[in-house]
Every structure is written in C-alpha cells, then in structure tokens.
Amino acid sequence: QLALERDGFVVTAMPDGLSGLEAFRANRPDIALLDVMVPGLDGV
C-alpha cells in the first residue's frame, strides 16, 4: 500500500475477501489486486 501510494495511487487495502467485496461495492475502484489465498472469501 505504501509503495503504491508513493507512486500516486489511491489505495483501499482490505485483509479478507468479504471486506474486499464490501469495499469494492462502496468505492468502485479503477482496478482490483486480489491475493488468491485470503480468508472469508478467497481471491478467485
């Protein structure tokens, strides 16, 4: 997150798939980076 923000990106970082889905619906980001192995709702 720090590295991306240094390059000028606005970053919403979430620790699991369910919170990631909520953040996606709330923020409608321009791009999503998803780790495959995250708890709750896996990346795939």
PDB file of all heavy atoms in Angstrom:
ATOM      1  N   GLN A   1       0.830  -1.205   0.000  1.00  0.00           N
ATOM      2  CA  GLN A   1       0.000   0.000   0.000  1.00  0.00           C
ATOM      3  C   GLN A   1       0.864   1.254   0.000  1.00  0.00           C
ATOM      4  O   GLN A   1       0.619   2.192  -0.773  1.00  0.00           O
ATOM      5  CB  GLN A   1      -0.940   0.006   1.205  1.00  0.00           C
ATOM      6  CG  GLN A   1      -1.821   1.254   1.261  1.00  0.00           C
ATOM      7  CD  GLN A   1      -2.841   1.206   2.381  1.00  0.00           C
ATOM      8  OE1 GLN A   1      -2.901   0.250   3.144  1.00  0.00           O
ATOM      9  NE2 GLN A   1      -3.661   2.241   2.488  1.00  0.00           N
ATOM     10  N   LEU A   2       1.896   1.277   0.842  1.00  0.00           N
ATOM     11  CA  LEU A   2       2.792   2.432   0.891  1.00  0.00           C
ATOM     12  C   LEU A   2       3.502   2.646  -0.443  1.00  0.00           C
ATOM     13  O   LEU A   2       3.639   3.775  -0.916  1.00  0.00           O
ATOM     14  CB  LEU A   2       3.818   2.254   2.013  1.00  0.00           C
ATOM     15  CG  LEU A   2       3.284   2.412   3.440  1.00  0.00           C
ATOM     16  CD1 LEU A   2       4.363   2.033   4.455  1.00  0.00           C
ATOM     17  CD2 LEU A   2       2.800   3.840   3.689  1.00  0.00           C
ATOM     18  N   ALA A   3       3.952   1.534  -1.051  1.00  0.00           N
ATOM     19  CA  ALA A   3       4.657   1.632  -2.331  1.00  0.00           C
ATOM     20  C   ALA A   3       3.741   2.189  -3.417  1.00  0.00           C
ATOM     21  O   ALA A   3       4.148   3.051  -4.217  1.00  0.00           O
ATOM     22  CB  ALA A   3       5.193   0.262  -2.741  1.00  0.00           C
ATOM     23  N   LEU A   4       2.493   1.719  -3.455  1.00  0.00           N
ATOM     24  CA  LEU A   4       1.550   2.207  -4.464  1.00  0.00           C
ATOM     25  C   LEU A   4       1.188   3.671  -4.221  1.00  0.00           C
ATOM     26  O   LEU A   4       1.078   4.454  -5.164  1.00  0.00           O
ATOM     27  CB  LEU A   4       0.292   1.344  -4.469  1.00  0.00           C
ATOM     28  CG  LEU A   4       0.459  -0.105  -4.942  1.00  0.00           C
ATOM     29  CD1 LEU A   4      -0.850  -0.862  -4.792  1.00  0.00           C
ATOM     30  CD2 LEU A   4       0.942  -0.159  -6.380  1.00  0.00           C
ATOM     31  N   GLU A   5       1.034   4.023  -2.954  1.00  0.00           N
ATOM     32  CA  GLU A   5       0.699   5.413  -2.644  1.00  0.00           C
ATOM     33  C   GLU A   5       1.851   6.346  -2.993  1.00  0.00           C
ATOM     34  O   GLU A   5       1.621   7.489  -3.412  1.00  0.00           O
ATOM     35  CB  GLU A   5       0.318   5.530  -1.175  1.00  0.00           C
ATOM     36  CG  GLU A   5      -1.045   4.904  -0.871  1.00  0.00           C
ATOM     37  CD  GLU A   5      -1.399   4.885   0.606  1.00  0.00           C
ATOM     38  OE1 GLU A   5      -0.473   5.083   1.440  1.00  0.00           O
ATOM     39  OE2 GLU A   5      -2.580   4.668   0.934  1.00  0.00           O
ATOM     40  N   ARG A   6       3.083   5.875  -2.833  1.00  0.00           N
ATOM     41  CA  ARG A   6       4.232   6.709  -3.237  1.00  0.00           C
ATOM     42  C   ARG A   6       4.228   6.965  -4.734  1.00  0.00           C
ATOM     43  O   ARG A   6       4.740   7.995  -5.193  1.00  0.00           O
ATOM     44  CB  ARG A   6       5.548   6.027  -2.821  1.00  0.00           C
ATOM     45  CG  ARG A   6       5.903   6.202  -1.357  1.00  0.00           C
ATOM     46  CD  ARG A   6       7.362   5.896  -1.109  1.00  0.00           C
ATOM     47  NE  ARG A   6       7.694   4.513  -1.458  1.00  0.00           N
ATOM     48  CZ  ARG A   6       7.644   3.491  -0.607  1.00  0.00           C
ATOM     49  NH1 ARG A   6       7.268   3.688   0.655  1.00  0.00           N
ATOM     50  NH2 ARG A   6       7.969   2.281  -0.989  1.00  0.00           N
ATOM     51  N   ASP A   7       3.648   6.038  -5.494  1.00  0.00           N
ATOM     52  CA  ASP A   7       3.548   6.227  -6.935  1.00  0.00           C
ATOM     53  C   ASP A   7       2.299   7.011  -7.323  1.00  0.00           C
ATOM     54  O   ASP A   7       2.006   7.147  -8.505  1.00  0.00           O
ATOM     55  CB  ASP A   7       3.550   4.866  -7.641  1.00  0.00           C
ATOM     56  CG  ASP A   7       4.946   4.414  -8.011  1.00  0.00           C
ATOM     57  OD1 ASP A   7       5.437   4.848  -9.068  1.00  0.00           O
ATOM     58  OD2 ASP A   7       5.557   3.661  -7.235  1.00  0.00           O
ATOM     59  N   GLY A   8       1.547   7.485  -6.333  1.00  0.00           N
ATOM     60  CA  GLY A   8       0.426   8.356  -6.621  1.00  0.00           C
ATOM     61  C   GLY A   8      -0.933   7.694  -6.663  1.00  0.00           C
ATOM     62  O   GLY A   8      -1.937   8.360  -6.934  1.00  0.00           O
ATOM     63  N   PHE A   9      -0.990   6.381  -6.422  1.00  0.00           N
ATOM     64  CA  PHE A   9      -2.271   5.696  -6.436  1.00  0.00           C
ATOM     65  C   PHE A   9      -3.022   5.929  -5.124  1.00  0.00           C
ATOM     66  O   PHE A   9      -2.415   6.051  -4.064  1.00  0.00           O
ATOM     67  CB  PHE A   9      -2.086   4.186  -6.637  1.00  0.00           C
ATOM     68  CG  PHE A   9      -1.521   3.805  -7.978  1.00  0.00           C
ATOM     69  CD1 PHE A   9      -0.159   3.646  -8.156  1.00  0.00           C
ATOM     70  CD2 PHE A   9      -2.360   3.603  -9.059  1.00  0.00           C
ATOM     71  CE1 PHE A   9       0.366   3.295  -9.387  1.00  0.00           C
ATOM     72  CE2 PHE A   9      -1.845   3.259 -10.296  1.00  0.00           C
ATOM     73  CZ  PHE A   9      -0.480   3.105 -10.467  1.00  0.00           C
ATOM     74  N   VAL A  10      -4.335   5.954  -5.201  1.00  0.00           N
ATOM     75  CA  VAL A  10      -5.186   5.936  -4.016  1.00  0.00           C
ATOM     76  C   VAL A  10      -5.502   4.474  -3.738  1.00  0.00           C
ATOM     77  O   VAL A  10      -5.983   3.759  -4.626  1.00  0.00           O
ATOM     78  CB  VAL A  10      -6.485   6.728  -4.239  1.00  0.00           C
ATOM     79  CG1 VAL A  10      -7.414   6.588  -3.037  1.00  0.00           C
ATOM     80  CG2 VAL A  10      -6.173   8.189  -4.528  1.00  0.00           C
ATOM     81  N   VAL A  11      -5.225   4.006  -2.515  1.00  0.00           N
ATOM     82  CA  VAL A  11      -5.335   2.577  -2.217  1.00  0.00           C
ATOM     83  C   VAL A  11      -6.322   2.336  -1.079  1.00  0.00           C
ATOM     84  O   VAL A  11      -6.235   2.961  -0.017  1.00  0.00           O
ATOM     85  CB  VAL A  11      -3.962   1.981  -1.833  1.00  0.00           C
ATOM     86  CG1 VAL A  11      -4.084   0.480  -1.537  1.00  0.00           C
ATOM     87  CG2 VAL A  11      -2.945   2.227  -2.940  1.00  0.00           C
ATOM     88  N   THR A  12      -7.256   1.419  -1.315  1.00  0.00           N
ATOM     89  CA  THR A  12      -8.098   0.879  -0.257  1.00  0.00           C
ATOM     90  C   THR A  12      -7.633  -0.554  -0.019  1.00  0.00           C
ATOM     91  O   THR A  12      -7.753  -1.397  -0.921  1.00  0.00           O
ATOM     92  CB  THR A  12      -9.590   0.886  -0.643  1.00  0.00           C
ATOM     93  OG1 THR A  12     -10.020   2.232  -0.850  1.00  0.00           O
ATOM     94  CG2 THR A  12     -10.434   0.242   0.453  1.00  0.00           C
ATOM     95  N   ALA A  13      -7.065  -0.825   1.149  1.00  0.00           N
ATOM     96  CA  ALA A  13      -6.486  -2.138   1.444  1.00  0.00           C
ATOM     97  C   ALA A  13      -7.373  -2.881   2.434  1.00  0.00           C
ATOM     98  O   ALA A  13      -7.751  -2.326   3.481  1.00  0.00           O
ATOM     99  CB  ALA A  13      -5.074  -1.991   2.004  1.00  0.00           C
ATOM    100  N   MET A  14      -7.687  -4.137   2.120  1.00  0.00           N
ATOM    101  CA  MET A  14      -8.547  -4.958   2.960  1.00  0.00           C
ATOM    102  C   MET A  14      -7.878  -6.301   3.249  1.00  0.00           C
ATOM    103  O   MET A  14      -7.159  -6.829   2.397  1.00  0.00           O
ATOM    104  CB  MET A  14      -9.901  -5.172   2.271  1.00  0.00           C
ATOM    105  CG  MET A  14     -10.733  -3.908   2.163  1.00  0.00           C
ATOM    106  SD  MET A  14     -11.215  -3.302   3.810  1.00  0.00           S
ATOM    107  CE  MET A  14     -11.851  -1.685   3.399  1.00  0.00           C
ATOM    108  N   PRO A  15      -8.134  -6.884   4.453  1.00  0.00           N
ATOM    109  CA  PRO A  15      -7.436  -8.101   4.846  1.00  0.00           C
ATOM    110  C   PRO A  15      -8.120  -9.404   4.463  1.00  0.00           C
ATOM    111  O   PRO A  15      -7.552 -10.485   4.661  1.00  0.00           O
ATOM    112  CB  PRO A  15      -7.373  -7.971   6.374  1.00  0.00           C
ATOM    113  CG  PRO A  15      -8.646  -7.247   6.711  1.00  0.00           C
ATOM    114  CD  PRO A  15      -8.888  -6.290   5.577  1.00  0.00           C
ATOM    115  N   ASP A  16      -9.345  -9.346   3.949  1.00  0.00           N
ATOM    116  CA  ASP A  16     -10.049 -10.584   3.612  1.00  0.00           C
ATOM    117  C   ASP A  16     -11.027 -10.331   2.475  1.00  0.00           C
ATOM    118  O   ASP A  16     -11.316  -9.183   2.118  1.00  0.00           O
ATOM    119  CB  ASP A  16     -10.782 -11.142   4.837  1.00  0.00           C
ATOM    120  CG  ASP A  16     -11.815 -10.169   5.377  1.00  0.00           C
ATOM    121  OD1 ASP A  16     -12.901 -10.064   4.772  1.00  0.00           O
ATOM    122  OD2 ASP A  16     -11.531  -9.508   6.397  1.00  0.00           O
ATOM    123  N   GLY A  17     -11.543 -11.427   1.915  1.00  0.00           N
ATOM    124  CA  GLY A  17     -12.381 -11.313   0.742  1.00  0.00           C
ATOM    125  C   GLY A  17     -13.720 -10.646   0.971  1.00  0.00           C
ATOM    126  O   GLY A  17     -14.203  -9.885   0.119  1.00  0.00           O
ATOM    127  N   LEU A  18     -14.347 -10.903   2.102  1.00  0.00           N
ATOM    128  CA  LEU A  18     -15.658 -10.312   2.366  1.00  0.00           C
ATOM    129  C   LEU A  18     -15.573  -8.795   2.524  1.00  0.00           C
ATOM    130  O   LEU A  18     -16.390  -8.056   1.963  1.00  0.00           O
ATOM    131  CB  LEU A  18     -16.280 -10.950   3.612  1.00  0.00           C
ATOM    132  CG  LEU A  18     -16.707 -12.410   3.449  1.00  0.00           C
ATOM    133  CD1 LEU A  18     -17.182 -12.982   4.774  1.00  0.00           C
ATOM    134  CD2 LEU A  18     -17.808 -12.540   2.384  1.00  0.00           C
ATOM    135  N   SER A  19     -14.570  -8.333   3.286  1.00  0.00           N
ATOM    136  CA  SER A  19     -14.402  -6.883   3.419  1.00  0.00           C
ATOM    137  C   SER A  19     -13.973  -6.277   2.087  1.00  0.00           C
ATOM    138  O   SER A  19     -14.312  -5.131   1.769  1.00  0.00           O
ATOM    139  CB  SER A  19     -13.394  -6.545   4.519  1.00  0.00           C
ATOM    140  OG  SER A  19     -12.095  -7.024   4.196  1.00  0.00           O
ATOM    141  N   GLY A  20     -13.221  -7.061   1.303  1.00  0.00           N
ATOM    142  CA  GLY A  20     -12.824  -6.588  -0.016  1.00  0.00           C
ATOM    143  C   GLY A  20     -14.023  -6.392  -0.927  1.00  0.00           C
ATOM    144  O   GLY A  20     -14.097  -5.406  -1.670  1.00  0.00           O
ATOM    145  N   LEU A  21     -14.991  -7.322  -0.871  1.00  0.00           N
ATOM    146  CA  LEU A  21     -16.202  -7.194  -1.686  1.00  0.00           C
ATOM    147  C   LEU A  21     -17.011  -5.973  -1.256  1.00  0.00           C
ATOM    148  O   LEU A  21     -17.519  -5.218  -2.098  1.00  0.00           O
ATOM    149  CB  LEU A  21     -17.048  -8.462  -1.569  1.00  0.00           C
ATOM    150  CG  LEU A  21     -18.333  -8.492  -2.393  1.00  0.00           C
ATOM    151  CD1 LEU A  21     -18.036  -8.344  -3.879  1.00  0.00           C
ATOM    152  CD2 LEU A  21     -19.103  -9.786  -2.126  1.00  0.00           C
ATOM    153  N   GLU A  22     -17.118  -5.764   0.046  1.00  0.00           N
ATOM    154  CA  GLU A  22     -17.837  -4.584   0.548  1.00  0.00           C
ATOM    155  C   GLU A  22     -17.158  -3.302   0.086  1.00  0.00           C
ATOM    156  O   GLU A  22     -17.825  -2.343  -0.328  1.00  0.00           O
ATOM    157  CB  GLU A  22     -17.903  -4.626   2.073  1.00  0.00           C
ATOM    158  CG  GLU A  22     -18.788  -5.736   2.624  1.00  0.00           C
ATOM    159  CD  GLU A  22     -18.760  -5.790   4.145  1.00  0.00           C
ATOM    160  OE1 GLU A  22     -18.038  -4.962   4.757  1.00  0.00           O
ATOM    161  OE2 GLU A  22     -19.445  -6.657   4.717  1.00  0.00           O
ATOM    162  N   ALA A  23     -15.817  -3.286   0.145  1.00  0.00           N
ATOM    163  CA  ALA A  23     -15.075  -2.097  -0.272  1.00  0.00           C
ATOM    164  C   ALA A  23     -15.222  -1.857  -1.766  1.00  0.00           C
ATOM    165  O   ALA A  23     -15.323  -0.713  -2.225  1.00  0.00           O
ATOM    166  CB  ALA A  23     -13.603  -2.236   0.097  1.00  0.00           C
ATOM    167  N   PHE A  24     -15.254  -2.942  -2.538  1.00  0.00           N
ATOM    168  CA  PHE A  24     -15.446  -2.802  -3.981  1.00  0.00           C
ATOM    169  C   PHE A  24     -16.794  -2.156  -4.278  1.00  0.00           C
ATOM    170  O   PHE A  24     -16.892  -1.223  -5.084  1.00  0.00           O
ATOM    171  CB  PHE A  24     -15.353  -4.155  -4.668  1.00  0.00           C
ATOM    172  CG  PHE A  24     -15.766  -4.117  -6.117  1.00  0.00           C
ATOM    173  CD1 PHE A  24     -14.899  -3.622  -7.072  1.00  0.00           C
ATOM    174  CD2 PHE A  24     -17.034  -4.535  -6.500  1.00  0.00           C
ATOM    175  CE1 PHE A  24     -15.289  -3.549  -8.414  1.00  0.00           C
ATOM    176  CE2 PHE A  24     -17.430  -4.462  -7.829  1.00  0.00           C
ATOM    177  CZ  PHE A  24     -16.561  -3.972  -8.781  1.00  0.00           C
ATOM    178  N   ARG A  25     -17.833  -2.637  -3.623  1.00  0.00           N
ATOM    179  CA  ARG A  25     -19.174  -2.106  -3.876  1.00  0.00           C
ATOM    180  C   ARG A  25     -19.322  -0.670  -3.395  1.00  0.00           C
ATOM    181  O   ARG A  25     -20.041   0.123  -4.005  1.00  0.00           O
ATOM    182  CB  ARG A  25     -20.205  -3.007  -3.209  1.00  0.00           C
ATOM    183  CG  ARG A  25     -20.344  -4.352  -3.908  1.00  0.00           C
ATOM    184  CD  ARG A  25     -21.201  -5.320  -3.121  1.00  0.00           C
ATOM    185  NE  ARG A  25     -21.495  -6.527  -3.897  1.00  0.00           N
ATOM    186  CZ  ARG A  25     -22.032  -7.636  -3.387  1.00  0.00           C
ATOM    187  NH1 ARG A  25     -22.329  -7.682  -2.085  1.00  0.00           N
ATOM    188  NH2 ARG A  25     -22.267  -8.680  -4.159  1.00  0.00           N
ATOM    189  N   ALA A  26     -18.618  -0.337  -2.321  1.00  0.00           N
ATOM    190  CA  ALA A  26     -18.733   1.011  -1.760  1.00  0.00           C
ATOM    191  C   ALA A  26     -17.920   2.033  -2.543  1.00  0.00           C
ATOM    192  O   ALA A  26     -18.326   3.190  -2.675  1.00  0.00           O
ATOM    193  CB  ALA A  26     -18.297   1.009  -0.294  1.00  0.00           C
ATOM    194  N   ASN A  27     -16.768   1.616  -3.062  1.00  0.00           N
ATOM    195  CA  ASN A  27     -15.827   2.569  -3.657  1.00  0.00           C
ATOM    196  C   ASN A  27     -15.712   2.513  -5.174  1.00  0.00           C
ATOM    197  O   ASN A  27     -15.234   3.457  -5.789  1.00  0.00           O
ATOM    198  CB  ASN A  27     -14.434   2.359  -3.053  1.00  0.00           C
ATOM    199  CG  ASN A  27     -14.405   2.625  -1.570  1.00  0.00           C
ATOM    200  OD1 ASN A  27     -14.521   3.749  -1.119  1.00  0.00           O
ATOM    201  ND2 ASN A  27     -14.254   1.555  -0.781  1.00  0.00           N
ATOM    202  N   ARG A  28     -16.110   1.398  -5.778  1.00  0.00           N
ATOM    203  CA  ARG A  28     -15.979   1.213  -7.225  1.00  0.00           C
ATOM    204  C   ARG A  28     -14.597   1.638  -7.721  1.00  0.00           C
ATOM    205  O   ARG A  28     -14.448   2.632  -8.451  1.00  0.00           O
ATOM    206  CB  ARG A  28     -17.081   1.985  -7.957  1.00  0.00           C
ATOM    207  CG  ARG A  28     -18.468   1.419  -7.691  1.00  0.00           C
ATOM    208  CD  ARG A  28     -18.611   0.010  -8.240  1.00  0.00           C
ATOM    209  NE  ARG A  28     -19.852  -0.640  -7.816  1.00  0.00           N
ATOM    210  CZ  ARG A  28     -20.233  -1.850  -8.212  1.00  0.00           C
ATOM    211  NH1 ARG A  28     -19.444  -2.545  -9.006  1.00  0.00           N
ATOM    212  NH2 ARG A  28     -21.358  -2.370  -7.789  1.00  0.00           N
ATOM    213  N   PRO A  29     -13.565   0.895  -7.337  1.00  0.00           N
ATOM    214  CA  PRO A  29     -12.191   1.264  -7.708  1.00  0.00           C
ATOM    215  C   PRO A  29     -11.939   1.111  -9.207  1.00  0.00           C
ATOM    216  O   PRO A  29     -12.734   0.502  -9.930  1.00  0.00           O
ATOM    217  CB  PRO A  29     -11.351   0.254  -6.914  1.00  0.00           C
ATOM    218  CG  PRO A  29     -12.243  -0.938  -6.779  1.00  0.00           C
ATOM    219  CD  PRO A  29     -13.624  -0.369  -6.588  1.00  0.00           C
ATOM    220  N   ASP A  30     -10.818   1.660  -9.649  1.00  0.00           N
ATOM    221  CA  ASP A  30     -10.433   1.559 -11.057  1.00  0.00           C
ATOM    222  C   ASP A  30      -9.797   0.217 -11.381  1.00  0.00           C
ATOM    223  O   ASP A  30      -9.804  -0.209 -12.542  1.00  0.00           O
ATOM    224  CB  ASP A  30      -9.439   2.676 -11.408  1.00  0.00           C
ATOM    225  CG  ASP A  30     -10.051   4.052 -11.241  1.00  0.00           C
ATOM    226  OD1 ASP A  30     -11.097   4.304 -11.867  1.00  0.00           O
ATOM    227  OD2 ASP A  30      -9.501   4.860 -10.475  1.00  0.00           O
ATOM    228  N   ILE A  31      -9.229  -0.445 -10.375  1.00  0.00           N
ATOM    229  CA  ILE A  31      -8.574  -1.731 -10.575  1.00  0.00           C
ATOM    230  C   ILE A  31      -8.533  -2.465  -9.240  1.00  0.00           C
ATOM    231  O   ILE A  31      -8.506  -1.829  -8.182  1.00  0.00           O
ATOM    232  CB  ILE A  31      -7.140  -1.547 -11.141  1.00  0.00           C
ATOM    233  CG1 ILE A  31      -6.521  -2.904 -11.511  1.00  0.00           C
ATOM    234  CG2 ILE A  31      -6.248  -0.761 -10.188  1.00  0.00           C
ATOM    235  CD1 ILE A  31      -5.240  -2.771 -12.332  1.00  0.00           C
ATOM    236  N   ALA A  32      -8.570  -3.802  -9.291  1.00  0.00           N
ATOM    237  CA  ALA A  32      -8.523  -4.612  -8.084  1.00  0.00           C
ATOM    238  C   ALA A  32      -7.322  -5.541  -8.118  1.00  0.00           C
ATOM    239  O   ALA A  32      -7.068  -6.202  -9.128  1.00  0.00           O
ATOM    240  CB  ALA A  32      -9.807  -5.428  -7.935  1.00  0.00           C
ATOM    241  N   LEU A  33      -6.559  -5.562  -7.019  1.00  0.00           N
ATOM    242  CA  LEU A  33      -5.463  -6.508  -6.821  1.00  0.00           C
ATOM    243  C   LEU A  33      -5.911  -7.491  -5.759  1.00  0.00           C
ATOM    244  O   LEU A  33      -6.149  -7.104  -4.608  1.00  0.00           O
ATOM    245  CB  LEU A  33      -4.191  -5.786  -6.358  1.00  0.00           C
ATOM    246  CG  LEU A  33      -3.657  -4.633  -7.191  1.00  0.00           C
ATOM    247  CD1 LEU A  33      -2.390  -4.076  -6.545  1.00  0.00           C
ATOM    248  CD2 LEU A  33      -3.390  -5.070  -8.612  1.00  0.00           C
ATOM    249  N   LEU A  34      -6.025  -8.755  -6.124  1.00  0.00           N
ATOM    250  CA  LEU A  34      -6.597  -9.748  -5.224  1.00  0.00           C
ATOM    251  C   LEU A  34      -5.616 -10.887  -4.991  1.00  0.00           C
ATOM    252  O   LEU A  34      -5.217 -11.570  -5.937  1.00  0.00           O
ATOM    253  CB  LEU A  34      -7.893 -10.318  -5.817  1.00  0.00           C
ATOM    254  CG  LEU A  34      -8.936  -9.317  -6.336  1.00  0.00           C
ATOM    255  CD1 LEU A  34     -10.115 -10.064  -6.936  1.00  0.00           C
ATOM    256  CD2 LEU A  34      -9.380  -8.368  -5.231  1.00  0.00           C
ATOM    257  N   ASP A  35      -5.250 -11.105  -3.723  1.00  0.00           N
ATOM    258  CA  ASP A  35      -4.440 -12.269  -3.397  1.00  0.00           C
ATOM    259  C   ASP A  35      -5.330 -13.507  -3.488  1.00  0.00           C
ATOM    260  O   ASP A  35      -6.502 -13.484  -3.095  1.00  0.00           O
ATOM    261  CB  ASP A  35      -3.861 -12.133  -1.991  1.00  0.00           C
ATOM    262  CG  ASP A  35      -2.947 -13.300  -1.640  1.00  0.00           C
ATOM    263  OD1 ASP A  35      -2.083 -13.637  -2.456  1.00  0.00           O
ATOM    264  OD2 ASP A  35      -3.131 -13.880  -0.552  1.00  0.00           O
ATOM    265  N   VAL A  36      -4.778 -14.585  -4.016  1.00  0.00           N
ATOM    266  CA  VAL A  36      -5.558 -15.809  -4.180  1.00  0.00           C
ATOM    267  C   VAL A  36      -6.007 -16.369  -2.834  1.00  0.00           C
ATOM    268  O   VAL A  36      -7.170 -16.721  -2.638  1.00  0.00           O
ATOM    269  CB  VAL A  36      -4.746 -16.867  -4.963  1.00  0.00           C
ATOM    270  CG1 VAL A  36      -5.465 -18.211  -4.947  1.00  0.00           C
ATOM    271  CG2 VAL A  36      -4.510 -16.415  -6.398  1.00  0.00           C
ATOM    272  N   MET A  37      -5.072 -16.454  -1.880  1.00  0.00           N
ATOM    273  CA  MET A  37      -5.341 -17.112  -0.605  1.00  0.00           C
ATOM    274  C   MET A  37      -5.650 -16.099   0.485  1.00  0.00           C
ATOM    275  O   MET A  37      -4.778 -15.719   1.274  1.00  0.00           O
ATOM    276  CB  MET A  37      -4.156 -17.976  -0.202  1.00  0.00           C
ATOM    277  CG  MET A  37      -3.815 -19.071  -1.207  1.00  0.00           C
ATOM    278  SD  MET A  37      -5.165 -20.249  -1.448  1.00  0.00           S
ATOM    279  CE  MET A  37      -5.167 -21.047   0.158  1.00  0.00           C
ATOM    280  N   VAL A  38      -6.896 -15.610   0.516  1.00  0.00           N
ATOM    281  CA  VAL A  38      -7.332 -14.724   1.588  1.00  0.00           C
ATOM    282  C   VAL A  38      -8.511 -15.385   2.289  1.00  0.00           C
ATOM    283  O   VAL A  38      -9.270 -16.148   1.676  1.00  0.00           O
ATOM    284  CB  VAL A  38      -7.724 -13.322   1.068  1.00  0.00           C
ATOM    285  CG1 VAL A  38      -6.509 -12.555   0.598  1.00  0.00           C
ATOM    286  CG2 VAL A  38      -8.754 -13.418  -0.045  1.00  0.00           C
ATOM    287  N   PRO A  39      -8.697 -15.115   3.577  1.00  0.00           N
ATOM    288  CA  PRO A  39      -9.765 -15.766   4.334  1.00  0.00           C
ATOM    289  C   PRO A  39     -11.145 -15.201   4.015  1.00  0.00           C
ATOM    290  O   PRO A  39     -11.279 -14.132   3.421  1.00  0.00           O
ATOM    291  CB  PRO A  39      -9.386 -15.476   5.795  1.00  0.00           C
ATOM    292  CG  PRO A  39      -8.598 -14.207   5.731  1.00  0.00           C
ATOM    293  CD  PRO A  39      -7.847 -14.263   4.435  1.00  0.00           C
ATOM    294  N   GLY A  40     -12.164 -15.944   4.445  1.00  0.00           N
ATOM    295  CA  GLY A  40     -13.539 -15.497   4.296  1.00  0.00           C
ATOM    296  C   GLY A  40     -14.096 -15.800   2.923  1.00  0.00           C
ATOM    297  O   GLY A  40     -14.969 -16.648   2.753  1.00  0.00           O
ATOM    298  N   LEU A  41     -13.580 -15.132   1.939  1.00  0.00           N
ATOM    299  CA  LEU A  41     -13.941 -15.327   0.538  1.00  0.00           C
ATOM    300  C   LEU A  41     -12.625 -15.283  -0.225  1.00  0.00           C
ATOM    301  O   LEU A  41     -11.976 -14.242  -0.283  1.00  0.00           O
ATOM    302  CB  LEU A  41     -14.886 -14.207   0.073  1.00  0.00           C
ATOM    303  CG  LEU A  41     -15.471 -14.296  -1.336  1.00  0.00           C
ATOM    304  CD1 LEU A  41     -16.449 -15.458  -1.432  1.00  0.00           C
ATOM    305  CD2 LEU A  41     -16.177 -12.982  -1.697  1.00  0.00           C
ATOM    306  N   ASP A  42     -12.199 -16.424  -0.780  1.00  0.00           N
ATOM    307  CA  ASP A  42     -10.874 -16.456  -1.407  1.00  0.00           C
ATOM    308  C   ASP A  42     -10.841 -15.560  -2.640  1.00  0.00           C
ATOM    309  O   ASP A  42     -11.880 -15.146  -3.164  1.00  0.00           O
ATOM    310  CB  ASP A  42     -10.480 -17.888  -1.765  1.00  0.00           C
ATOM    311  CG  ASP A  42     -11.370 -18.483  -2.837  1.00  0.00           C
ATOM    312  OD1 ASP A  42     -11.166 -18.173  -4.018  1.00  0.00           O
ATOM    313  OD2 ASP A  42     -12.290 -19.261  -2.485  1.00  0.00           O
ATOM    314  N   GLY A  43      -9.618 -15.272  -3.094  1.00  0.00           N
ATOM    315  CA  GLY A  43      -9.443 -14.314  -4.174  1.00  0.00           C
ATOM    316  C   GLY A  43     -10.127 -14.702  -5.468  1.00  0.00           C
ATOM    317  O   GLY A  43     -10.663 -13.852  -6.180  1.00  0.00           O
ATOM    318  N   VAL A  44     -10.119 -16.000  -5.791  1.00  0.00           N
ATOM    319  CA  VAL A  44     -10.765 -16.457  -7.023  1.00  0.00           C
ATOM    320  C   VAL A  44     -12.276 -16.240  -6.941  1.00  0.00           C
ATOM    321  O   VAL A  44     -12.901 -15.748  -7.886  1.00  0.00           O
ATOM    322  CB  VAL A  44     -10.440 -17.934  -7.291  1.00  0.00           C
ATOM    323  CG1 VAL A  44     -11.242 -18.468  -8.483  1.00  0.00           C
ATOM    324  CG2 VAL A  44      -8.943 -18.107  -7.565  1.00  0.00           C
TER     325      VAL A  44
END
